[in-house]
Amino acid sequence: MKTFLFLLILIPNLSFSQKEKIKYWSEKDTLQFEDFKGVYKKQDSNSADATSILTIKLESVKNNNTFFNVYALFNINRSSFFKIKSFYVLKHEQLHFDITELFTRKIRNEFYNSYKKNTKTKLTDLYSIYNKYITLYRNFQKKYDLETSYTRNFQNQQKWNKKVKIELENLKEFSNEKYLEKMKRLLNNKN
């Protein structure tokens, strides 16, 4: 079964419209077939069996001090399956979403280190970090699809599943909840 991923990275301040339904990445709430509500548009003979619209969104958080966080998002209304809904393809798409979370954690890690050095970190510095990781993220997603041959290479798919799981675990202290706690402690102690 051919599977290709169409990946859309939105610029930081561009948010989904009010009509868009999004799903935040969660370890417990993985992608389900029902999350693909978009209308599939077959554009050519090499069109994907599934389309996931993903983004890493930058957002300010108000506390005693304002700081920035990033979130891994999946656009439910624009993501779609073609005709056949395969669990194997669904797992491949989930790993794309997991990779989005992985790079979200990498950005949070860099943001934290930047704030740790200087709680008055400039927005331009944060955008620089964000943009650096977005470029790495896009390349990583492309490499994933190429090495797994869009799900056709089962062995490499298994390797990628394991690799991403390990990397997520290594950055677990930068999951959303833990990052928010760390940032609040850091900023409260610096005041």
Protein backbone atom coordinates (compact mmCIF):
# COMPACT_ATOMS: atom_id res chain seq x y z
CA MET A 1 0.00 0.00 0.00
CA LYS A 2 1.40 3.37 -0.97
CA THR A 3 1.48 5.94 1.77
CA PHE A 4 2.82 9.42 1.49
CA LEU A 5 2.64 12.21 3.98
CA PHE A 6 1.79 15.77 3.18
CA LEU A 7 3.27 17.86 5.95
CA LEU A 8 2.38 21.45 6.61
CA ILE A 9 4.40 23.54 9.01
CA LEU A 10 2.66 26.74 9.95
CA ILE A 11 4.53 29.90 10.82
CA PRO A 12 4.59 30.56 14.58
CA ASN A 13 1.90 33.22 14.84
CA LEU A 14 -0.48 31.65 12.36
CA SER A 15 -3.13 29.74 14.23
CA PHE A 16 -5.88 27.47 13.01
CA SER A 17 -9.15 29.15 12.20
CA GLN A 18 -11.99 28.77 14.68
CA LYS A 19 -13.58 26.15 12.43
CA GLU A 20 -10.47 23.98 12.51
CA LYS A 21 -10.49 21.14 15.00
CA ILE A 22 -7.07 20.32 16.39
CA LYS A 23 -5.60 17.59 18.54
CA TYR A 24 -2.70 18.26 20.88
CA TRP A 25 -0.09 15.52 21.06
CA SER A 26 -0.62 13.19 24.01
CA GLU A 27 1.04 9.94 24.92
CA LYS A 28 -2.33 8.50 25.98
CA ASP A 29 -4.52 9.94 23.23
CA THR A 30 -3.02 8.58 20.01
CA LEU A 31 -4.41 9.11 16.54
CA GLN A 32 -7.55 7.20 15.60
CA PHE A 33 -9.27 6.82 12.23
CA GLU A 34 -11.96 9.24 13.46
CA ASP A 35 -9.29 11.96 13.69
CA PHE A 36 -8.99 12.07 9.90
CA LYS A 37 -12.08 14.07 8.97
CA GLY A 38 -10.72 15.91 5.96
CA VAL A 39 -11.88 15.34 2.41
CA TYR A 40 -9.21 13.43 0.56
CA LYS A 41 -8.14 14.99 -2.74
CA LYS A 42 -6.39 12.56 -5.03
CA GLN A 43 -4.15 14.80 -7.11
CA ASP A 44 -2.12 12.30 -9.09
CA SER A 45 -1.32 8.61 -9.36
CA ASN A 46 1.27 8.90 -6.57
CA SER A 47 -1.16 10.49 -4.10
CA ALA A 48 -0.96 9.40 -0.51
CA ASP A 49 -3.19 6.90 1.21
CA ALA A 50 -3.28 9.29 4.18
CA THR A 51 -2.62 12.96 4.69
CA SER A 52 -1.64 14.36 8.09
CA ILE A 53 -1.56 18.10 8.62
CA LEU A 54 0.83 18.79 11.50
CA THR A 55 2.34 21.89 13.02
CA ILE A 56 4.54 23.08 15.84
CA LYS A 57 2.82 26.13 17.27
CA LEU A 58 4.59 28.84 19.23
CA GLU A 59 2.52 30.50 21.96
CA SER A 60 3.09 32.85 24.87
CA VAL A 61 2.25 31.68 28.39
CA LYS A 62 1.23 34.19 31.04
CA ASN A 63 2.60 33.59 34.51
CA ASN A 64 4.26 36.14 36.80
CA ASN A 65 6.48 36.53 33.75
CA THR A 66 5.57 35.81 30.17
CA PHE A 67 7.43 32.98 28.50
CA PHE A 68 6.96 30.92 25.37
CA ASN A 69 5.94 27.35 24.82
CA VAL A 70 5.46 25.23 21.72
CA TYR A 71 2.84 22.60 21.03
CA ALA A 72 2.61 19.67 18.61
CA LEU A 73 -0.73 19.86 16.82
CA PHE A 74 -2.67 17.66 14.42
CA ASN A 75 -5.37 19.26 12.26
CA ILE A 76 -8.37 16.91 12.34
CA ASN A 77 -10.48 18.73 9.75
CA ARG A 78 -7.75 18.77 7.11
CA SER A 79 -6.13 15.35 7.71
CA SER A 80 -7.59 12.46 5.75
CA PHE A 81 -7.42 8.84 4.62
CA PHE A 82 -8.06 7.86 1.02
CA LYS A 83 -10.24 4.76 0.68
CA ILE A 84 -8.70 1.96 2.71
CA LYS A 85 -8.10 2.62 6.38
CA SER A 86 -5.09 0.56 7.37
CA PHE A 87 -3.85 0.27 10.97
CA TYR A 88 -0.32 0.06 9.60
CA VAL A 89 -0.74 3.40 7.82
CA LEU A 90 -2.36 4.85 10.94
CA LYS A 91 0.70 3.85 13.00
CA HIS A 92 2.97 5.43 10.38
CA GLU A 93 0.99 8.67 10.65
CA GLN A 94 1.15 8.46 14.46
CA LEU A 95 4.92 8.35 14.26
CA HIS A 96 4.86 11.53 12.16
CA PHE A 97 2.87 13.10 15.02
CA ASP A 98 5.35 11.65 17.55
CA ILE A 99 8.21 13.20 15.58
CA THR A 100 6.37 16.52 15.78
CA GLU A 101 6.28 16.13 19.57
CA LEU A 102 9.95 15.13 19.62
CA PHE A 103 10.97 18.36 17.92
CA THR A 104 8.57 20.30 20.13
CA ARG A 105 10.48 18.93 23.13
CA LYS A 106 13.80 19.84 21.53
CA ILE A 107 12.59 23.40 21.10
CA ARG A 108 11.32 23.52 24.71
CA ASN A 109 14.72 22.29 25.89
CA GLU A 110 16.46 25.10 23.99
CA PHE A 111 13.94 27.66 25.22
CA TYR A 112 14.48 26.54 28.81
CA ASN A 113 18.25 26.80 28.48
CA SER A 114 17.90 30.23 26.95
CA TYR A 115 15.63 31.43 29.77
CA LYS A 116 17.97 29.86 32.30
CA LYS A 117 20.82 32.03 30.99
CA ASN A 118 18.65 35.14 30.80
CA THR A 119 15.00 35.37 31.88
CA LYS A 120 14.67 38.41 29.63
CA THR A 121 15.41 36.38 26.51
CA LYS A 122 14.57 38.31 23.38
CA LEU A 123 11.77 37.15 21.13
CA THR A 124 14.15 37.26 18.16
CA ASP A 125 16.40 34.71 19.94
CA LEU A 126 13.44 32.41 20.49
CA TYR A 127 12.37 32.71 16.86
CA SER A 128 15.91 31.86 15.84
CA ILE A 129 15.80 28.69 17.96
CA TYR A 130 12.35 27.84 16.63
CA ASN A 131 13.34 28.33 12.99
CA LYS A 132 16.52 26.27 13.40
CA TYR A 133 14.52 23.33 14.74
CA ILE A 134 11.75 23.68 12.15
CA THR A 135 14.36 23.17 9.43
CA LEU A 136 15.76 20.12 11.24
CA TYR A 137 12.22 18.85 11.80
CA ARG A 138 11.29 19.03 8.13
CA ASN A 139 14.45 17.17 7.14
CA PHE A 140 13.84 14.53 9.81
CA GLN A 141 10.26 13.96 8.60
CA LYS A 142 11.45 13.59 5.00
CA LYS A 143 14.18 11.18 6.06
CA TYR A 144 11.61 9.11 7.97
CA ASP A 145 9.40 8.76 4.91
CA LEU A 146 12.32 7.96 2.62
CA GLU A 147 13.88 5.36 4.91
CA THR A 148 10.56 3.64 5.61
CA SER A 149 9.57 3.98 1.96
CA TYR A 150 6.26 5.43 3.17
CA THR A 151 5.49 2.29 5.27
CA ARG A 152 6.60 -0.22 2.62
CA ASN A 153 9.88 -1.01 4.42
CA PHE A 154 8.67 -2.82 7.53
CA GLN A 155 12.16 -3.31 9.02
CA ASN A 156 13.04 0.35 8.80
CA GLN A 157 9.60 1.31 10.11
CA GLN A 158 10.32 -0.77 13.22
CA LYS A 159 13.74 0.90 13.62
CA TRP A 160 12.16 4.34 13.37
CA ASN A 161 9.45 3.42 15.87
CA LYS A 162 12.11 2.41 18.37
CA LYS A 163 14.38 5.38 17.64
CA VAL A 164 11.65 7.98 18.12
CA LYS A 165 10.35 6.27 21.27
CA ILE A 166 13.85 6.37 22.81
CA GLU A 167 14.36 10.01 21.86
CA LEU A 168 10.98 11.00 23.31
CA GLU A 169 11.88 9.21 26.53
CA ASN A 170 15.25 10.98 26.66
CA LEU A 171 13.44 14.32 26.49
CA LYS A 172 10.54 13.43 28.80
CA GLU A 173 11.46 16.27 31.16
CA PHE A 174 10.40 18.57 28.32
CA SER A 175 6.93 17.14 27.89
CA ASN A 176 4.41 19.96 28.04
CA GLU A 177 3.45 19.56 31.71
CA LYS A 178 7.01 19.16 32.95
CA TYR A 179 8.28 22.05 30.84
CA LEU A 180 5.58 24.36 32.22
CA GLU A 181 6.49 23.35 35.79
CA LYS A 182 10.21 23.87 35.14
CA MET A 183 9.62 27.27 33.57
CA LYS A 184 7.39 28.49 36.39
CA ARG A 185 9.95 27.40 38.99
CA LEU A 186 12.77 28.97 37.04
CA LEU A 187 11.03 32.30 36.55
CA ASN A 188 9.68 32.45 40.11
CA ASN A 189 13.16 31.79 41.53
CA LYS A 190 14.75 34.46 39.36
CA ASN A 191 12.40 37.19 40.63
